[in-house]
């Protein structure tokens, strides 16, 4: 069964994967190696990964948030190890799981 954060992360990953994710992975001031990106987000915002997924272009997309839910970030790490912040914000709020009726 999917957790609340997993459901929201799935939605976010769908949106990110459907957008121009390749543009976000281009080198710019928001890109660095994954370890440095995670260290920076942990030190500055106390954020840690809460969801992860594989994008169709081979990148790994991660959603990070702090334990209080006051900040969040989405990064994509490309196969070469370059990680870019593609979105960030405040007021992370997990959603209640949507229950679907299975059809037989």
Protein backbone atom coordinates (compact mmCIF):
# COMPACT_ATOMS: atom_id res chain seq x y z
CA UNK A 1 0.00 0.00 0.00
CA UNK A 2 1.32 3.41 -0.87
CA UNK A 3 2.01 5.91 1.89
CA UNK A 4 0.75 9.47 1.82
CA UNK A 5 4.10 10.93 0.84
CA UNK A 6 4.54 8.22 -1.80
CA UNK A 7 1.26 9.15 -3.47
CA UNK A 8 2.14 12.82 -3.60
CA UNK A 9 5.66 12.03 -4.74
CA UNK A 10 4.25 9.84 -7.51
CA UNK A 11 2.17 12.76 -8.72
CA UNK A 12 5.15 15.09 -8.55
CA UNK A 13 7.35 12.59 -10.37
CA UNK A 14 4.74 12.25 -13.10
CA UNK A 15 4.61 16.00 -13.58
CA UNK A 16 8.38 16.38 -13.51
CA UNK A 17 8.95 13.44 -15.85
CA UNK A 18 6.38 14.83 -18.27
CA UNK A 19 7.94 18.27 -18.31
CA UNK A 20 11.19 19.21 -19.97
CA UNK A 21 13.36 17.35 -17.49
CA UNK A 22 16.27 17.31 -19.93
CA UNK A 23 16.45 21.11 -19.70
CA UNK A 24 16.66 20.89 -15.90
CA UNK A 25 19.61 18.55 -16.20
CA UNK A 26 21.66 21.00 -18.22
CA UNK A 27 24.61 22.44 -16.32
CA UNK A 28 23.80 25.67 -14.46
CA UNK A 29 24.31 27.18 -11.03
CA UNK A 30 21.76 24.76 -9.48
CA UNK A 31 23.69 21.63 -10.53
CA UNK A 32 26.47 19.75 -8.78
CA UNK A 33 27.29 16.15 -7.92
CA UNK A 34 24.54 14.28 -6.02
CA UNK A 35 26.48 13.98 -2.76
CA UNK A 36 27.10 17.73 -2.66
CA UNK A 37 23.45 18.48 -3.48
CA UNK A 38 22.17 16.19 -0.71
CA UNK A 39 24.71 17.57 1.77
CA UNK A 40 23.74 21.16 0.93
CA UNK A 41 19.99 20.49 1.25
CA UNK A 42 20.53 18.60 4.53
CA UNK A 43 22.72 21.30 6.09
CA UNK A 44 20.81 24.38 4.89
CA UNK A 45 17.22 23.08 5.05
CA UNK A 46 17.42 19.82 7.08
CA UNK A 47 15.91 18.03 4.07
CA UNK A 48 16.22 14.32 3.38
CA UNK A 49 14.82 12.13 0.56
CA UNK A 50 11.23 10.90 1.05
CA UNK A 51 10.59 9.52 -2.44
CA UNK A 52 12.61 8.39 -5.44
CA UNK A 53 11.80 7.35 -8.99
CA UNK A 54 13.38 6.66 -12.35
CA UNK A 55 12.58 9.14 -15.14
CA UNK A 56 12.18 8.00 -18.73
CA UNK A 57 15.44 9.76 -19.68
CA UNK A 58 17.45 7.65 -17.21
CA UNK A 59 17.64 10.29 -14.50
CA UNK A 60 16.79 9.54 -10.89
CA UNK A 61 14.24 11.98 -9.46
CA UNK A 62 14.17 12.53 -5.69
CA UNK A 63 11.74 14.46 -3.52
CA UNK A 64 13.24 15.79 -0.30
CA UNK A 65 11.58 17.51 2.64
CA UNK A 66 12.36 18.40 6.22
CA UNK A 67 10.66 16.55 9.07
CA UNK A 68 8.38 19.50 9.86
CA UNK A 69 7.29 19.87 6.24
CA UNK A 70 8.31 23.50 6.06
CA UNK A 71 10.55 23.10 2.97
CA UNK A 72 10.85 20.68 0.05
CA UNK A 73 13.07 20.19 -3.00
CA UNK A 74 13.03 18.01 -6.10
CA UNK A 75 16.34 16.99 -7.66
CA UNK A 76 17.21 14.90 -10.69
CA UNK A 77 20.49 13.04 -10.91
CA UNK A 78 21.63 12.06 -14.38
CA UNK A 79 23.62 8.89 -15.12
CA UNK A 80 26.86 10.92 -15.14
CA UNK A 81 26.26 11.84 -11.47
CA UNK A 82 25.29 15.47 -12.10
CA UNK A 83 22.35 16.47 -9.88
CA UNK A 84 20.16 19.51 -10.48
CA UNK A 85 17.49 21.11 -8.34
CA UNK A 86 14.40 21.28 -10.55
CA UNK A 87 11.95 22.68 -7.99
CA UNK A 88 11.82 23.79 -4.38
CA UNK A 89 9.39 25.48 -2.07
CA UNK A 90 7.75 25.73 1.31
CA UNK A 91 4.82 24.21 3.17
CA UNK A 92 5.13 20.54 2.24
CA UNK A 93 1.79 18.95 2.94
CA UNK A 94 1.25 15.24 2.46
CA UNK A 95 -2.06 14.20 0.94
CA UNK A 96 -4.36 11.49 2.15
CA UNK A 97 -4.16 8.34 0.03
CA UNK A 98 -6.83 8.05 -2.63
CA UNK A 99 -8.51 4.69 -2.44
CA UNK A 100 -9.57 3.20 -5.74
CA UNK A 101 -11.95 0.38 -6.33
CA UNK A 102 -10.30 -2.46 -8.17
CA UNK A 103 -12.17 -3.76 -11.16
CA UNK A 104 -12.19 -7.46 -11.78
